[in-house]
């Protein structure tokens, strides 16, 4: 499932969050410090790729993901995000 814009083209640090559970579609919209979000459900886990504008805000982003229902078990900074182009729904 692909959501968001073109990934990997925005300034900031790129991260991969892996966790147990699922998060609602609205989480993929991203905001301010957390953008270019791609949510990949792999039941019973969910993988979230995203760009973090200010890595100092990671605790806030982790809290937001937890509040949405994702029990985050790992966070990794990566060099780049997968390039995925969002397709508009018909």
Foldseek 3Di string as FASTA:
>chain_A
DFDAAWWFPDDAWKKKWKFFCDFDPVVQCDDDQWHRWTWDDDPRMIIIITGGRDVVCVVVVQVVCVVRPTPTDDMDTDPGDDTDHDDDDD
